[in-house]
């Protein structure tokens, strides 16, 4: 399905709801990582959708959502507005939100700017921005080598290659290569300028922070700051795992998300 954002851009989303028809389930919104799309959550949906109305949005410029023009420049405010407007479109006053990597950046900013819209946050491999990371070094390599080759050459930063089905990695590379590279450069470039560590105390909702113990994308120290500054935070480490925990360990991620939601909301 699609809706039209306030700036005229066409945004894609999916709704999966296999809850009992006589209930009124809460909404659980899944926001994917940069270079990804909502279908990367394919392994999450079956179990989550038995308990929640599961909504997956393709961030603007990703998946089946329209790629915006280069002007006006992309901003975090615009990405947050897209989520606001999707929730409005669905008639949803508030939602539980899962944010994977850059999807979590958007979710954190929504929770800070509009706390009434966010019932809880579940952040997977998602730091307070990418300013203090090596991500800015990706862009010249992608421009020179191409996105697929760059990701293939650095795949061990994202997947435990020796424990991953090679077909999964090929699918990941093929899907990532479908991205519009100039837009992606602007998207990642924006994230590398942002750091809201000093605002983390503004996140007031119950928050689950799940991070890869062998983090290779953001700064691992950022997770310590999140745990210290978000007032109501629980932290879980997936020891030895590189960045893409949502792809590599979907069942474990769902287990931890559902357990958190049960503890906090029954």
Protein backbone atom coordinates (compact mmCIF):
# COMPACT_ATOMS: atom_id res chain seq x y z
CA UNK A 1 0.00 0.00 0.00
CA UNK A 2 1.00 3.63 -0.42
CA UNK A 3 0.19 7.05 0.97
CA UNK A 4 1.23 10.50 -0.18
CA UNK A 5 3.38 12.51 2.20
CA UNK A 6 2.72 16.21 2.76
CA UNK A 7 5.45 17.12 0.26
CA UNK A 8 3.83 14.96 -2.44
CA UNK A 9 6.18 11.98 -2.22
CA UNK A 10 4.68 8.50 -2.53
CA UNK A 11 5.57 6.30 0.48
CA UNK A 12 5.12 2.52 0.54
CA UNK A 13 4.04 0.48 3.55
CA UNK A 14 2.75 -2.97 4.49
CA UNK A 15 0.24 -3.99 7.17
CA UNK A 16 0.13 -7.55 8.58
CA UNK A 17 -2.40 -8.40 11.27
CA UNK A 18 -3.18 -11.99 12.29
CA UNK A 19 -4.46 -11.17 15.75
CA UNK A 20 -7.79 -12.52 16.97
CA UNK A 21 -10.53 -10.59 15.16
CA UNK A 22 -12.42 -9.70 18.34
CA UNK A 23 -9.40 -7.89 19.82
CA UNK A 24 -8.05 -4.39 19.27
CA UNK A 25 -4.31 -4.96 18.87
CA UNK A 26 -1.66 -2.33 19.44
CA UNK A 27 0.33 -1.19 16.41
CA UNK A 28 3.97 -2.23 16.06
CA UNK A 29 5.86 -0.20 13.46
CA UNK A 30 9.07 -1.61 11.96
CA UNK A 31 11.59 0.86 10.47
CA UNK A 32 14.42 -0.64 8.42
CA UNK A 33 18.09 0.26 8.01
CA UNK A 34 19.74 2.44 5.37
CA UNK A 35 20.23 0.61 2.07
CA UNK A 36 17.40 -1.71 3.12
CA UNK A 37 13.65 -1.97 2.76
CA UNK A 38 10.71 -3.29 4.74
CA UNK A 39 10.94 -6.78 3.24
CA UNK A 40 14.20 -7.32 5.14
CA UNK A 41 11.90 -7.95 8.15
CA UNK A 42 10.36 -10.97 6.37
CA UNK A 43 11.37 -13.39 9.16
CA UNK A 44 10.01 -11.12 11.90
CA UNK A 45 6.47 -10.69 10.64
CA UNK A 46 4.85 -14.13 11.17
CA UNK A 47 5.30 -14.20 14.94
CA UNK A 48 4.84 -10.49 15.60
CA UNK A 49 1.66 -10.27 13.54
CA UNK A 50 -0.05 -12.87 15.74
CA UNK A 51 0.10 -10.36 18.61
CA UNK A 52 0.21 -6.91 16.99
CA UNK A 53 -0.92 -5.00 13.95
CA UNK A 54 2.48 -4.93 12.27
CA UNK A 55 3.23 -2.01 9.98
CA UNK A 56 6.38 -1.82 7.88
CA UNK A 57 7.28 1.39 6.07
CA UNK A 58 9.79 1.81 3.27
CA UNK A 59 11.72 4.93 4.23
CA UNK A 60 11.64 7.55 1.49
CA UNK A 61 14.05 6.69 -1.30
CA UNK A 62 14.12 3.01 -0.27
CA UNK A 63 12.25 -0.09 -1.37
CA UNK A 64 9.01 0.76 -3.16
CA UNK A 65 8.88 4.33 -1.85
CA UNK A 66 9.55 7.12 -4.30
CA UNK A 67 13.05 8.60 -4.54
CA UNK A 68 12.82 12.33 -3.78
CA UNK A 69 14.46 15.06 -5.81
CA UNK A 70 17.81 16.35 -4.59
CA UNK A 71 16.21 19.67 -3.67
CA UNK A 72 15.23 20.45 -1.01
CA UNK A 73 17.99 18.57 0.81
CA UNK A 74 16.96 15.61 2.94
CA UNK A 75 16.55 16.30 6.66
CA UNK A 76 15.83 14.28 9.76
CA UNK A 77 12.73 16.42 10.30
CA UNK A 78 11.39 15.24 6.95
CA UNK A 79 12.05 11.57 7.75
CA UNK A 80 10.31 11.96 11.10
CA UNK A 81 7.38 13.73 9.43
CA UNK A 82 6.93 10.71 7.13
CA UNK A 83 6.38 8.49 10.17
CA UNK A 84 4.01 11.01 11.75
CA UNK A 85 1.99 11.15 8.56
CA UNK A 86 1.86 7.38 8.15
CA UNK A 87 0.51 7.02 11.69
CA UNK A 88 -2.05 9.72 10.94
CA UNK A 89 -2.97 7.97 7.68
CA UNK A 90 -3.55 4.73 9.63
CA UNK A 91 -5.55 6.50 12.34
CA UNK A 92 -2.98 5.41 14.91
CA UNK A 93 -2.48 7.74 17.87
CA UNK A 94 0.63 5.91 19.10
CA UNK A 95 2.70 2.85 18.29
CA UNK A 96 5.42 0.61 19.57
CA UNK A 97 8.38 1.14 17.26
CA UNK A 98 11.22 -1.18 16.26
CA UNK A 99 14.09 0.70 14.63
CA UNK A 100 16.97 -1.07 12.95
CA UNK A 101 20.11 1.05 12.52
CA UNK A 102 19.04 4.19 10.56
CA UNK A 103 15.39 3.27 11.11
CA UNK A 104 16.17 3.61 14.79
CA UNK A 105 17.64 7.06 14.20
CA UNK A 106 14.27 8.17 12.86
CA UNK A 107 12.45 6.41 15.72
CA UNK A 108 14.64 8.07 18.36
CA UNK A 109 13.98 11.50 16.90
CA UNK A 110 10.25 10.84 16.77
CA UNK A 111 10.32 9.78 20.44
CA UNK A 112 12.17 12.98 21.37
CA UNK A 113 10.02 15.36 19.34
CA UNK A 114 6.60 13.70 19.77
CA UNK A 115 6.68 11.48 22.85
CA UNK A 116 2.91 10.92 22.80
CA UNK A 117 3.21 9.04 19.50
CA UNK A 118 5.74 6.46 20.75
CA UNK A 119 4.52 3.89 23.27
CA UNK A 120 7.87 2.09 23.38
CA UNK A 121 11.14 1.93 21.46
CA UNK A 122 13.07 -1.18 20.51
CA UNK A 123 16.39 -0.20 18.97
CA UNK A 124 18.53 -2.79 17.20
CA UNK A 125 22.06 -1.72 16.27
CA UNK A 126 20.98 1.92 16.37
CA UNK A 127 23.25 4.58 17.86
CA UNK A 128 22.43 8.32 18.33
CA UNK A 129 23.51 9.16 14.78
CA UNK A 130 26.62 8.33 12.75
CA UNK A 131 28.73 11.41 13.34
CA UNK A 132 31.35 9.49 15.31
CA UNK A 133 31.71 6.55 12.97
CA UNK A 134 33.56 5.44 9.88
CA UNK A 135 30.44 5.74 7.71
CA UNK A 136 31.66 8.88 5.93
CA UNK A 137 34.50 6.81 4.46
CA UNK A 138 31.98 4.57 2.70
CA UNK A 139 30.80 7.21 0.26
CA UNK A 140 34.01 7.68 -1.81
CA UNK A 141 34.36 3.89 -2.06
CA UNK A 142 30.78 3.42 -3.18
CA UNK A 143 31.22 6.15 -5.79
CA UNK A 144 34.38 4.50 -7.10
CA UNK A 145 33.56 0.79 -6.77
CA UNK A 146 29.77 0.66 -6.85
CA UNK A 147 27.46 -0.20 -3.98
CA UNK A 148 27.28 -3.95 -4.48
CA UNK A 149 31.04 -4.41 -4.69
CA UNK A 150 31.62 -2.20 -1.65
CA UNK A 151 29.15 -4.20 0.40
CA UNK A 152 30.52 -7.52 -0.86
CA UNK A 153 34.07 -6.50 0.04
CA UNK A 154 33.02 -5.44 3.55
CA UNK A 155 30.36 -8.08 4.16
CA UNK A 156 32.06 -9.36 7.32
CA UNK A 157 31.30 -5.97 8.89
CA UNK A 158 27.64 -6.89 8.61
CA UNK A 159 27.24 -10.69 8.69
CA UNK A 160 29.03 -13.53 10.48
CA UNK A 161 29.95 -14.93 7.08
CA UNK A 162 31.03 -18.38 8.25
CA UNK A 163 27.60 -18.92 9.89
CA UNK A 164 25.44 -17.37 7.18
CA UNK A 165 23.82 -19.11 4.21
CA UNK A 166 25.63 -17.72 1.12
CA UNK A 167 22.26 -17.37 -0.59
CA UNK A 168 21.17 -14.98 2.15
CA UNK A 169 24.23 -12.81 1.55
CA UNK A 170 23.64 -12.82 -2.22
CA UNK A 171 20.02 -11.77 -1.70
CA UNK A 172 21.12 -8.99 0.66
CA UNK A 173 23.67 -7.74 -1.89
CA UNK A 174 21.23 -7.93 -4.80
CA UNK A 175 18.54 -6.04 -2.89
CA UNK A 176 20.94 -3.37 -1.63
CA UNK A 177 22.24 -2.84 -5.18
CA UNK A 178 18.75 -1.71 -6.26
CA UNK A 179 19.14 1.51 -4.28
CA UNK A 180 19.48 4.86 -6.00
CA UNK A 181 23.13 5.58 -5.21
CA UNK A 182 23.02 9.41 -5.40
CA UNK A 183 20.07 9.46 -3.00
CA UNK A 184 21.74 6.94 -0.73
CA UNK A 185 24.87 9.08 -0.63
CA UNK A 186 22.74 11.98 0.57
CA UNK A 187 20.92 9.81 3.11
CA UNK A 188 24.09 8.36 4.64
CA UNK A 189 25.83 11.71 4.31
CA UNK A 190 23.09 13.31 6.40
CA UNK A 191 23.38 10.65 9.10
CA UNK A 192 27.14 11.19 9.39
CA UNK A 193 26.51 14.81 10.39
CA UNK A 194 24.11 13.97 13.22
CA UNK A 195 24.68 13.19 16.89
CA UNK A 196 21.92 13.69 19.46
CA UNK A 197 23.68 12.02 22.41
CA UNK A 198 23.10 15.11 24.53
CA UNK A 199 19.32 14.82 23.96
CA UNK A 200 18.85 11.16 24.86
CA UNK A 201 17.23 12.01 28.19
CA UNK A 202 14.28 13.34 26.16
CA UNK A 203 13.35 9.74 25.27
CA UNK A 204 10.87 9.04 28.06
CA UNK A 205 9.20 5.83 26.89
CA UNK A 206 10.32 2.31 27.84
CA UNK A 207 13.27 1.55 25.56
CA UNK A 208 15.02 -1.69 24.65
CA UNK A 209 18.55 -1.29 23.32
CA UNK A 210 19.92 -4.37 21.55
CA UNK A 211 23.43 -3.98 20.19
CA UNK A 212 25.95 -6.14 18.36
CA UNK A 213 28.87 -6.89 20.64
CA UNK A 214 31.30 -6.72 17.71
CA UNK A 215 29.80 -3.51 16.32
CA UNK A 216 31.47 -2.45 13.09
CA UNK A 217 29.36 0.48 11.85
CA UNK A 218 28.61 2.92 14.66
CA UNK A 219 30.68 3.58 17.75
CA UNK A 220 30.26 0.85 20.35
CA UNK A 221 30.77 3.50 23.05
CA UNK A 222 27.55 5.16 21.92
CA UNK A 223 25.54 2.30 23.41
CA UNK A 224 27.00 3.05 26.84
CA UNK A 225 25.79 6.64 26.52
CA UNK A 226 22.33 5.44 25.53
CA UNK A 227 22.10 3.11 28.51
CA UNK A 228 23.22 5.88 30.86
CA UNK A 229 21.08 8.71 29.50
CA UNK A 230 17.76 7.19 28.43
CA UNK A 231 15.79 7.15 31.71
CA UNK A 232 13.91 3.87 31.20
CA UNK A 233 16.24 1.65 29.19
CA UNK A 234 17.03 -2.06 29.11
CA UNK A 235 20.16 -3.22 27.31
CA UNK A 236 21.02 -6.54 25.66
CA UNK A 237 24.30 -7.35 23.91
CA UNK A 238 24.61 -9.95 21.18
CA UNK A 239 28.20 -10.81 21.86
CA UNK A 240 30.49 -11.42 18.92
CA UNK A 241 27.95 -10.28 16.34
CA UNK A 242 28.65 -7.66 13.66
CA UNK A 243 26.20 -4.95 12.70
CA UNK A 244 23.30 -6.67 10.89
CA UNK A 245 21.76 -8.48 13.84
CA UNK A 246 18.21 -8.04 12.52
CA UNK A 247 19.15 -10.02 9.40
CA UNK A 248 21.41 -12.59 11.02
CA UNK A 249 19.42 -13.36 14.19
CA UNK A 250 15.78 -12.58 13.41
CA UNK A 251 14.32 -15.18 15.76
CA UNK A 252 16.43 -14.00 18.68
CA UNK A 253 15.50 -10.39 17.95
CA UNK A 254 11.80 -11.26 17.90
CA UNK A 255 12.15 -13.25 21.13
CA UNK A 256 13.71 -10.25 22.86
CA UNK A 257 11.22 -7.76 21.43
CA UNK A 258 8.20 -9.84 22.48
CA UNK A 259 9.65 -10.53 25.94
CA UNK A 260 10.24 -6.79 26.42
CA UNK A 261 6.71 -5.93 25.34
CA UNK A 262 5.25 -8.59 27.65
CA UNK A 263 7.29 -7.34 30.61
CA UNK A 264 6.30 -3.74 30.08
CA UNK A 265 2.78 -3.93 28.68
CA UNK A 266 1.42 -7.37 29.57
